[in-house]
Amino acid sequence: MSKTSDQHKTAVHDEDYEIVLSCRKGDDEAFGILVERHQKKVFNTALRMTGDYDEACEVVQEAFLAAFRAIRKFRGEAKFSTWLYGIVVNVSKTRLKQAAQRRRKTVSIDDPADDPADGLAAEGVSALEALEKKDVQAKVQRCIGTLEEEFREVLVLRDIQGFSYDEIGGILEVPEGTIKSRLFRAREAMKNCLKKELGRL
């Protein structure tokens, strides 16, 4: 994606386009619609990036506040979600650097917003199976936390949040080849880590 081609982009008419226009005209309530639409995925992205529930909550607040303050400058040359998740990733990285000098809390992904064990009892899954599943999820998150920053972000965006390579390129502002290279290395590192954590794979 070259700077020259960026200069000739037109507005992207995605599902958020009309709401973003309202926000740019000063409609604060319209921004609330964007928050409601994206908050769960934003939180899950932040949680996977930071590995900490409280940190993820802070990231969500900071990211949405930053987006709200900058929304009138958003030209719509990319999808709103691409722009927003770029903010989320950057805020997550900043908070991780700030937390590097502090003692981190024990990683927990037992978040009610996206708990993989939700509804297990209703589906007839035993309490033991539910605990085992949560244990596996915790080990997965620990492995994600061992990844270097540049590898963690592509893994989270691609394999967990399901963004396309083009979308990730817009979020991270790196070429597709770089994304694929980092993703390959991230997956290999995850595989090796999970072999140690789970004793299989």
C-alpha atoms as a PDB file:
ATOM      1  CA  MET A   1       0.000   0.000   0.000  1.00  0.00           C
ATOM      2  CA  SER A   2       1.863   3.086  -1.192  1.00  0.00           C
ATOM      3  CA  LYS A   3       1.472   6.651  -0.007  1.00  0.00           C
ATOM      4  CA  THR A   4       0.723   7.694  -3.560  1.00  0.00           C
ATOM      5  CA  SER A   5      -2.270   5.354  -3.844  1.00  0.00           C
ATOM      6  CA  ASP A   6      -3.496   6.489  -0.407  1.00  0.00           C
ATOM      7  CA  GLN A   7      -3.814  10.046  -1.680  1.00  0.00           C
ATOM      8  CA  HIS A   8      -6.351   8.970  -4.283  1.00  0.00           C
ATOM      9  CA  LYS A   9      -8.567   6.853  -2.068  1.00  0.00           C
ATOM     10  CA  THR A  10     -12.268   7.526  -1.836  1.00  0.00           C
ATOM     11  CA  ALA A  11     -14.454   6.968   1.191  1.00  0.00           C
ATOM     12  CA  VAL A  12     -15.218   3.348   2.017  1.00  0.00           C
ATOM     13  CA  HIS A  13     -18.967   2.808   2.301  1.00  0.00           C
ATOM     14  CA  ASP A  14     -19.107   0.054   4.884  1.00  0.00           C
ATOM     15  CA  GLU A  15     -21.766  -0.758   7.473  1.00  0.00           C
ATOM     16  CA  ASP A  16     -20.494   2.061   9.733  1.00  0.00           C
ATOM     17  CA  TYR A  17     -20.269   4.745   7.054  1.00  0.00           C
ATOM     18  CA  GLU A  18     -23.513   6.629   7.711  1.00  0.00           C
ATOM     19  CA  ILE A  19     -23.048   6.511  11.474  1.00  0.00           C
ATOM     20  CA  VAL A  20     -19.510   7.844  11.157  1.00  0.00           C
ATOM     21  CA  LEU A  21     -20.821  10.713   9.045  1.00  0.00           C
ATOM     22  CA  SER A  22     -23.257  11.586  11.822  1.00  0.00           C
ATOM     23  CA  CYS A  23     -20.419  11.491  14.350  1.00  0.00           C
ATOM     24  CA  ARG A  24     -18.332  13.825  12.228  1.00  0.00           C
ATOM     25  CA  LYS A  25     -21.244  16.267  12.236  1.00  0.00           C
ATOM     26  CA  GLY A  26     -21.217  16.309  16.032  1.00  0.00           C
ATOM     27  CA  ASP A  27     -23.807  13.649  16.840  1.00  0.00           C
ATOM     28  CA  ASP A  28     -22.420  12.174  20.066  1.00  0.00           C
ATOM     29  CA  GLU A  29     -25.256   9.660  20.340  1.00  0.00           C
ATOM     30  CA  ALA A  30     -24.236   8.172  16.999  1.00  0.00           C
ATOM     31  CA  PHE A  31     -20.833   7.369  18.471  1.00  0.00           C
ATOM     32  CA  GLY A  32     -22.609   5.356  21.130  1.00  0.00           C
ATOM     33  CA  ILE A  33     -23.952   3.136  18.353  1.00  0.00           C
ATOM     34  CA  LEU A  34     -20.403   2.503  17.148  1.00  0.00           C
ATOM     35  CA  VAL A  35     -19.303   1.659  20.680  1.00  0.00           C
ATOM     36  CA  GLU A  36     -22.150  -0.807  21.118  1.00  0.00           C
ATOM     37  CA  ARG A  37     -21.428  -2.382  17.749  1.00  0.00           C
ATOM     38  CA  HIS A  38     -17.699  -2.885  18.287  1.00  0.00           C
ATOM     39  CA  GLN A  39     -17.138  -3.010  22.058  1.00  0.00           C
ATOM     40  CA  LYS A  40     -17.169  -6.792  22.456  1.00  0.00           C
ATOM     41  CA  LYS A  41     -14.648  -7.436  19.688  1.00  0.00           C
ATOM     42  CA  VAL A  42     -12.556  -4.486  20.840  1.00  0.00           C
ATOM     43  CA  PHE A  43     -12.498  -5.901  24.360  1.00  0.00           C
ATOM     44  CA  ASN A  44     -11.601  -9.398  23.183  1.00  0.00           C
ATOM     45  CA  THR A  45      -8.788  -8.003  21.044  1.00  0.00           C
ATOM     46  CA  ALA A  46      -7.452  -6.011  23.979  1.00  0.00           C
ATOM     47  CA  LEU A  47      -7.761  -9.011  26.299  1.00  0.00           C
ATOM     48  CA  ARG A  48      -5.799 -11.259  23.966  1.00  0.00           C
ATOM     49  CA  MET A  49      -3.181  -8.565  23.423  1.00  0.00           C
ATOM     50  CA  THR A  50      -2.669  -7.763  27.107  1.00  0.00           C
ATOM     51  CA  GLY A  51      -3.631 -11.063  28.738  1.00  0.00           C
ATOM     52  CA  ASP A  52      -5.155  -9.144  31.632  1.00  0.00           C
ATOM     53  CA  TYR A  53      -8.836  -8.374  32.245  1.00  0.00           C
ATOM     54  CA  ASP A  54      -8.316  -5.029  34.000  1.00  0.00           C
ATOM     55  CA  GLU A  55      -5.749  -3.888  31.445  1.00  0.00           C
ATOM     56  CA  ALA A  56      -8.149  -4.808  28.649  1.00  0.00           C
ATOM     57  CA  CYS A  57     -10.891  -2.728  30.250  1.00  0.00           C
ATOM     58  CA  GLU A  58      -8.525   0.235  30.391  1.00  0.00           C
ATOM     59  CA  VAL A  59      -7.539  -0.285  26.762  1.00  0.00           C
ATOM     60  CA  VAL A  60     -11.192  -0.283  25.704  1.00  0.00           C
ATOM     61  CA  GLN A  61     -11.866   2.983  27.507  1.00  0.00           C
ATOM     62  CA  GLU A  62      -8.736   4.671  26.189  1.00  0.00           C
ATOM     63  CA  ALA A  63      -9.256   3.438  22.624  1.00  0.00           C
ATOM     64  CA  PHE A  64     -12.874   4.568  22.391  1.00  0.00           C
ATOM     65  CA  LEU A  65     -12.018   7.909  23.981  1.00  0.00           C
ATOM     66  CA  ALA A  66      -9.196   8.409  21.484  1.00  0.00           C
ATOM     67  CA  ALA A  67     -11.513   7.447  18.617  1.00  0.00           C
ATOM     68  CA  PHE A  68     -14.209   9.828  19.863  1.00  0.00           C
ATOM     69  CA  ARG A  69     -11.757  12.713  20.034  1.00  0.00           C
ATOM     70  CA  ALA A  70     -10.381  11.999  16.564  1.00  0.00           C
ATOM     71  CA  ILE A  71     -13.565  10.954  14.734  1.00  0.00           C
ATOM     72  CA  ARG A  72     -13.966  14.293  12.954  1.00  0.00           C
ATOM     73  CA  LYS A  73     -10.505  13.842  11.435  1.00  0.00           C
ATOM     74  CA  PHE A  74     -11.341  10.355  10.182  1.00  0.00           C
ATOM     75  CA  ARG A  75     -11.663  10.676   6.402  1.00  0.00           C
ATOM     76  CA  GLY A  76     -13.244   7.310   5.773  1.00  0.00           C
ATOM     77  CA  GLU A  77     -10.502   6.208   3.378  1.00  0.00           C
ATOM     78  CA  ALA A  78     -10.518   2.874   5.190  1.00  0.00           C
ATOM     79  CA  LYS A  79     -13.226   1.022   7.078  1.00  0.00           C
ATOM     80  CA  PHE A  80     -14.021   2.520  10.451  1.00  0.00           C
ATOM     81  CA  SER A  81     -13.240  -0.852  12.044  1.00  0.00           C
ATOM     82  CA  THR A  82      -9.760  -0.850  10.473  1.00  0.00           C
ATOM     83  CA  TRP A  83      -9.082   2.597  11.889  1.00  0.00           C
ATOM     84  CA  LEU A  84     -10.544   1.701  15.290  1.00  0.00           C
ATOM     85  CA  TYR A  85      -8.569  -1.539  15.695  1.00  0.00           C
ATOM     86  CA  GLY A  86      -5.401   0.285  14.765  1.00  0.00           C
ATOM     87  CA  ILE A  87      -6.064   2.477  17.803  1.00  0.00           C
ATOM     88  CA  VAL A  88      -6.842  -0.570  19.955  1.00  0.00           C
ATOM     89  CA  VAL A  89      -3.586  -2.306  19.004  1.00  0.00           C
ATOM     90  CA  ASN A  90      -1.533   0.835  19.625  1.00  0.00           C
ATOM     91  CA  VAL A  91      -3.140   1.483  23.016  1.00  0.00           C
ATOM     92  CA  SER A  92      -2.609  -2.169  23.969  1.00  0.00           C
ATOM     93  CA  LYS A  93       1.071  -1.971  23.034  1.00  0.00           C
ATOM     94  CA  THR A  94       1.511   1.240  25.025  1.00  0.00           C
ATOM     95  CA  ARG A  95      -0.083  -0.238  28.130  1.00  0.00           C
ATOM     96  CA  LEU A  96       2.011  -3.400  27.807  1.00  0.00           C
ATOM     97  CA  LYS A  97       5.155  -1.291  27.786  1.00  0.00           C
ATOM     98  CA  GLN A  98       3.937   0.637  30.824  1.00  0.00           C
ATOM     99  CA  ALA A  99       3.109  -2.611  32.623  1.00  0.00           C
ATOM    100  CA  ALA A 100       6.502  -4.159  31.856  1.00  0.00           C
ATOM    101  CA  GLN A 101       7.974  -2.416  34.909  1.00  0.00           C
ATOM    102  CA  ARG A 102       5.164  -3.507  37.194  1.00  0.00           C
ATOM    103  CA  ARG A 103       4.246  -6.832  38.693  1.00  0.00           C
ATOM    104  CA  ARG A 104       1.558  -8.315  36.479  1.00  0.00           C
ATOM    105  CA  LYS A 105      -1.545  -9.960  37.818  1.00  0.00           C
ATOM    106  CA  THR A 106      -2.167 -13.615  37.049  1.00  0.00           C
ATOM    107  CA  VAL A 107      -3.495 -13.927  33.496  1.00  0.00           C
ATOM    108  CA  SER A 108      -7.209 -14.626  33.373  1.00  0.00           C
ATOM    109  CA  ILE A 109      -9.430 -14.991  30.331  1.00  0.00           C
ATOM    110  CA  ASP A 110     -12.506 -16.035  32.282  1.00  0.00           C
ATOM    111  CA  ASP A 111     -14.285 -12.959  31.011  1.00  0.00           C
ATOM    112  CA  PRO A 112     -18.083 -12.921  30.912  1.00  0.00           C
ATOM    113  CA  ALA A 113     -17.991 -11.056  27.609  1.00  0.00           C
ATOM    114  CA  ASP A 114     -16.472 -13.974  25.748  1.00  0.00           C
ATOM    115  CA  ASP A 115     -16.086 -16.965  28.014  1.00  0.00           C
ATOM    116  CA  PRO A 116     -15.532 -20.159  25.984  1.00  0.00           C
ATOM    117  CA  ALA A 117     -17.102 -22.135  28.792  1.00  0.00           C
ATOM    118  CA  ASP A 118     -20.362 -20.132  28.777  1.00  0.00           C
ATOM    119  CA  GLY A 119     -23.419 -22.314  28.579  1.00  0.00           C
ATOM    120  CA  LEU A 120     -21.556 -25.551  29.225  1.00  0.00           C
ATOM    121  CA  ALA A 121     -23.796 -26.589  32.081  1.00  0.00           C
ATOM    122  CA  ALA A 122     -26.867 -25.990  29.955  1.00  0.00           C
ATOM    123  CA  GLU A 123     -25.374 -28.185  27.248  1.00  0.00           C
ATOM    124  CA  GLY A 124     -24.826 -31.016  29.687  1.00  0.00           C
ATOM    125  CA  VAL A 125     -21.049 -30.700  29.838  1.00  0.00           C
ATOM    126  CA  SER A 126     -19.666 -31.768  33.209  1.00  0.00           C
ATOM    127  CA  ALA A 127     -18.044 -29.329  35.599  1.00  0.00           C
ATOM    128  CA  LEU A 128     -14.760 -31.210  35.183  1.00  0.00           C
ATOM    129  CA  GLU A 129     -14.864 -30.844  31.409  1.00  0.00           C
ATOM    130  CA  ALA A 130     -15.647 -27.148  31.804  1.00  0.00           C
ATOM    131  CA  LEU A 131     -12.670 -26.660  34.097  1.00  0.00           C
ATOM    132  CA  GLU A 132     -10.406 -28.562  31.714  1.00  0.00           C
ATOM    133  CA  LYS A 133     -11.552 -26.373  28.837  1.00  0.00           C
ATOM    134  CA  LYS A 134     -10.856 -23.231  30.835  1.00  0.00           C
ATOM    135  CA  ASP A 135      -7.435 -24.583  31.762  1.00  0.00           C
ATOM    136  CA  VAL A 136      -6.617 -25.128  28.098  1.00  0.00           C
ATOM    137  CA  GLN A 137      -7.804 -21.608  27.258  1.00  0.00           C
ATOM    138  CA  ALA A 138      -5.615 -20.188  30.016  1.00  0.00           C
ATOM    139  CA  LYS A 139      -2.603 -22.059  28.620  1.00  0.00           C
ATOM    140  CA  VAL A 140      -3.361 -20.767  25.137  1.00  0.00           C
ATOM    141  CA  GLN A 141      -3.438 -17.229  26.509  1.00  0.00           C
ATOM    142  CA  ARG A 142      -0.154 -17.770  28.346  1.00  0.00           C
ATOM    143  CA  CYS A 143       1.432 -18.859  25.075  1.00  0.00           C
ATOM    144  CA  ILE A 144       0.041 -15.806  23.300  1.00  0.00           C
ATOM    145  CA  GLY A 145       1.607 -13.715  26.046  1.00  0.00           C
ATOM    146  CA  THR A 146       5.060 -15.177  25.337  1.00  0.00           C
ATOM    147  CA  LEU A 147       4.993 -13.965  21.731  1.00  0.00           C
ATOM    148  CA  GLU A 148       6.938 -10.887  20.732  1.00  0.00           C
ATOM    149  CA  GLU A 149       4.670  -7.898  20.178  1.00  0.00           C
ATOM    150  CA  GLU A 150       4.768  -7.917  16.381  1.00  0.00           C
ATOM    151  CA  PHE A 151       3.914 -11.613  16.248  1.00  0.00           C
ATOM    152  CA  ARG A 152       1.221 -11.437  18.901  1.00  0.00           C
ATOM    153  CA  GLU A 153      -0.718  -8.700  17.145  1.00  0.00           C
ATOM    154  CA  VAL A 154      -0.912 -10.502  13.791  1.00  0.00           C
ATOM    155  CA  LEU A 155      -1.900 -13.763  15.475  1.00  0.00           C
ATOM    156  CA  VAL A 156      -4.670 -12.064  17.453  1.00  0.00           C
ATOM    157  CA  LEU A 157      -5.974 -10.108  14.483  1.00  0.00           C
ATOM    158  CA  ARG A 158      -5.861 -12.980  11.997  1.00  0.00           C
ATOM    159  CA  ASP A 159      -6.416 -16.242  13.887  1.00  0.00           C
ATOM    160  CA  ILE A 160      -8.575 -15.012  16.768  1.00  0.00           C
ATOM    161  CA  GLN A 161     -10.438 -12.001  15.406  1.00  0.00           C
ATOM    162  CA  GLY A 162     -10.567 -13.177  11.808  1.00  0.00           C
ATOM    163  CA  PHE A 163      -9.447 -10.030  10.007  1.00  0.00           C
ATOM    164  CA  SER A 164      -8.367 -10.397   6.388  1.00  0.00           C
ATOM    165  CA  TYR A 165      -4.758  -9.766   5.376  1.00  0.00           C
ATOM    166  CA  ASP A 166      -5.882  -6.547   3.710  1.00  0.00           C
ATOM    167  CA  GLU A 167      -7.607  -5.374   6.887  1.00  0.00           C
ATOM    168  CA  ILE A 168      -4.596  -6.260   9.027  1.00  0.00           C
ATOM    169  CA  GLY A 169      -2.391  -4.356   6.613  1.00  0.00           C
ATOM    170  CA  GLY A 170      -4.574  -1.309   7.168  1.00  0.00           C
ATOM    171  CA  ILE A 171      -4.583  -1.736  10.934  1.00  0.00           C
ATOM    172  CA  LEU A 172      -0.837  -2.282  11.347  1.00  0.00           C
ATOM    173  CA  GLU A 173       0.284  -0.356   8.265  1.00  0.00           C
ATOM    174  CA  VAL A 174       2.571  -3.140   7.065  1.00  0.00           C
ATOM    175  CA  PRO A 175       2.594  -5.028   3.731  1.00  0.00           C
ATOM    176  CA  GLU A 176       0.860  -8.372   3.281  1.00  0.00           C
ATOM    177  CA  GLY A 177       4.141 -10.247   2.882  1.00  0.00           C
ATOM    178  CA  THR A 178       5.295  -9.018   6.271  1.00  0.00           C
ATOM    179  CA  ILE A 179       1.995 -10.035   7.838  1.00  0.00           C
ATOM    180  CA  LYS A 180       2.231 -13.550   6.433  1.00  0.00           C
ATOM    181  CA  SER A 181       5.839 -13.909   7.536  1.00  0.00           C
ATOM    182  CA  ARG A 182       5.057 -12.767  11.072  1.00  0.00           C
ATOM    183  CA  LEU A 183       1.967 -14.954  11.213  1.00  0.00           C
ATOM    184  CA  PHE A 184       3.953 -18.022  10.172  1.00  0.00           C
ATOM    185  CA  ARG A 185       6.505 -17.397  12.905  1.00  0.00           C
ATOM    186  CA  ALA A 186       3.767 -16.674  15.445  1.00  0.00           C
ATOM    187  CA  ARG A 187       1.985 -19.931  14.646  1.00  0.00           C
ATOM    188  CA  GLU A 188       5.212 -21.905  14.916  1.00  0.00           C
ATOM    189  CA  ALA A 189       5.990 -20.316  18.274  1.00  0.00           C
ATOM    190  CA  MET A 190       2.460 -21.032  19.488  1.00  0.00           C
ATOM    191  CA  LYS A 191       2.714 -24.645  18.360  1.00  0.00           C
ATOM    192  CA  ASN A 192       5.981 -25.130  20.228  1.00  0.00           C
ATOM    193  CA  CYS A 193       4.676 -23.430  23.353  1.00  0.00           C
ATOM    194  CA  LEU A 194       1.450 -25.430  23.379  1.00  0.00           C
ATOM    195  CA  LYS A 195       3.397 -28.664  22.993  1.00  0.00           C
ATOM    196  CA  LYS A 196       5.116 -27.831  26.254  1.00  0.00           C
ATOM    197  CA  GLU A 197       1.941 -26.619  27.960  1.00  0.00           C
ATOM    198  CA  LEU A 198      -0.387 -29.384  26.817  1.00  0.00           C
ATOM    199  CA  GLY A 199       2.060 -32.202  26.203  1.00  0.00           C
ATOM    200  CA  ARG A 200       0.661 -32.921  22.787  1.00  0.00           C
ATOM    201  CA  LEU A 201      -0.113 -31.448  19.307  1.00  0.00           C
END
